Amino acid sequence: MTGIVPATFIAPAQTIPPPALSYPVALKVVSRDLPHKSDVGGVALGIRGPEELVLAIDRIRQSIANKAPQATI
């Protein structure tokens, strides 16, 4: 399947991805404090499975904590 698919939101405290995702997926942080998400490492592309998704969530959280600690995510 290609094209645009509906967004799925993963809550900040959630570490286990929803089982209904169809991979590959893209991940983007949602925050009004971060108008340029890629500048702070808030985007991950080409995630191929649940394990990669968990790692990408952790990388994004760590990157934002380092580059934009004032941001609410």
Protein backbone atom coordinates (compact mmCIF):
# COMPACT_ATOMS: atom_id res chain seq x y z
CA MET A 1 0.00 0.00 0.00
CA THR A 2 1.29 3.44 -0.84
CA GLY A 3 -0.03 6.93 -0.35
CA ILE A 4 -1.27 8.87 2.61
CA VAL A 5 -2.60 6.90 5.54
CA PRO A 6 -4.35 8.11 8.69
CA ALA A 7 -2.17 9.34 11.53
CA THR A 8 -1.79 7.31 14.70
CA PHE A 9 -0.81 9.18 17.85
CA ILE A 10 1.48 7.60 20.41
CA ALA A 11 1.10 9.22 23.82
CA PRO A 12 4.28 10.54 25.50
CA ALA A 13 4.28 7.82 28.15
CA GLN A 14 3.49 5.02 25.70
CA THR A 15 6.51 2.88 24.83
CA ILE A 16 4.82 -0.05 23.11
CA PRO A 17 3.61 0.79 19.58
CA PRO A 18 0.01 0.06 18.66
CA PRO A 19 -0.25 -3.38 17.01
CA ALA A 20 -2.41 -2.18 14.12
CA LEU A 21 0.37 -0.18 12.42
CA SER A 22 1.31 -1.09 8.87
CA TYR A 23 5.03 -0.66 8.20
CA PRO A 24 7.05 1.17 7.01
CA VAL A 25 6.02 4.26 8.96
CA ALA A 26 7.27 7.77 9.63
CA LEU A 27 7.41 9.27 13.10
CA LYS A 28 7.12 12.96 13.95
CA VAL A 29 6.96 14.68 17.31
CA VAL A 30 3.88 16.82 17.93
CA SER A 31 4.59 19.99 19.88
CA ARG A 32 3.66 23.65 19.52
CA ASP A 33 7.06 24.42 21.03
CA LEU A 34 8.85 22.87 18.04
CA PRO A 35 7.93 24.63 14.77
CA HIS A 36 10.88 22.98 12.95
CA LYS A 37 10.76 19.40 14.13
CA SER A 38 13.62 18.13 11.95
CA ASP A 39 15.99 20.77 13.38
CA VAL A 40 15.80 19.10 16.79
CA GLY A 41 15.72 15.49 15.61
CA GLY A 42 11.96 15.21 15.88
CA VAL A 43 11.40 13.18 12.68
CA ALA A 44 12.23 9.58 11.76
CA LEU A 45 11.49 8.01 8.37
CA GLY A 46 11.41 4.48 6.98
CA ILE A 47 10.74 2.69 10.25
CA ARG A 48 10.30 -0.97 9.30
CA GLY A 49 8.88 -2.61 12.41
CA PRO A 50 7.92 -2.33 16.08
CA GLU A 51 11.48 -2.67 17.36
CA GLU A 52 12.71 0.15 15.10
CA LEU A 53 9.73 2.25 16.17
CA VAL A 54 10.57 1.90 19.86
CA LEU A 55 14.20 2.85 19.15
CA ALA A 56 13.11 5.84 17.05
CA ILE A 57 10.80 7.07 19.83
CA ASP A 58 13.68 6.87 22.29
CA ARG A 59 16.07 8.69 19.90
CA ILE A 60 13.56 11.48 19.29
CA ARG A 61 12.87 11.92 23.02
CA GLN A 62 16.59 12.06 23.79
CA SER A 63 17.33 14.46 20.94
CA ILE A 64 14.61 16.87 22.02
CA ALA A 65 15.72 16.66 25.65
CA ASN A 66 19.22 17.69 24.51
CA LYS A 67 18.37 20.26 21.82
CA ALA A 68 15.09 21.76 23.09
CA PRO A 69 14.68 20.90 26.78
CA GLN A 70 12.04 23.64 27.20
CA ALA A 71 9.71 21.93 24.70
CA THR A 72 6.57 20.22 25.87
CA ILE A 73 5.93 17.02 23.96
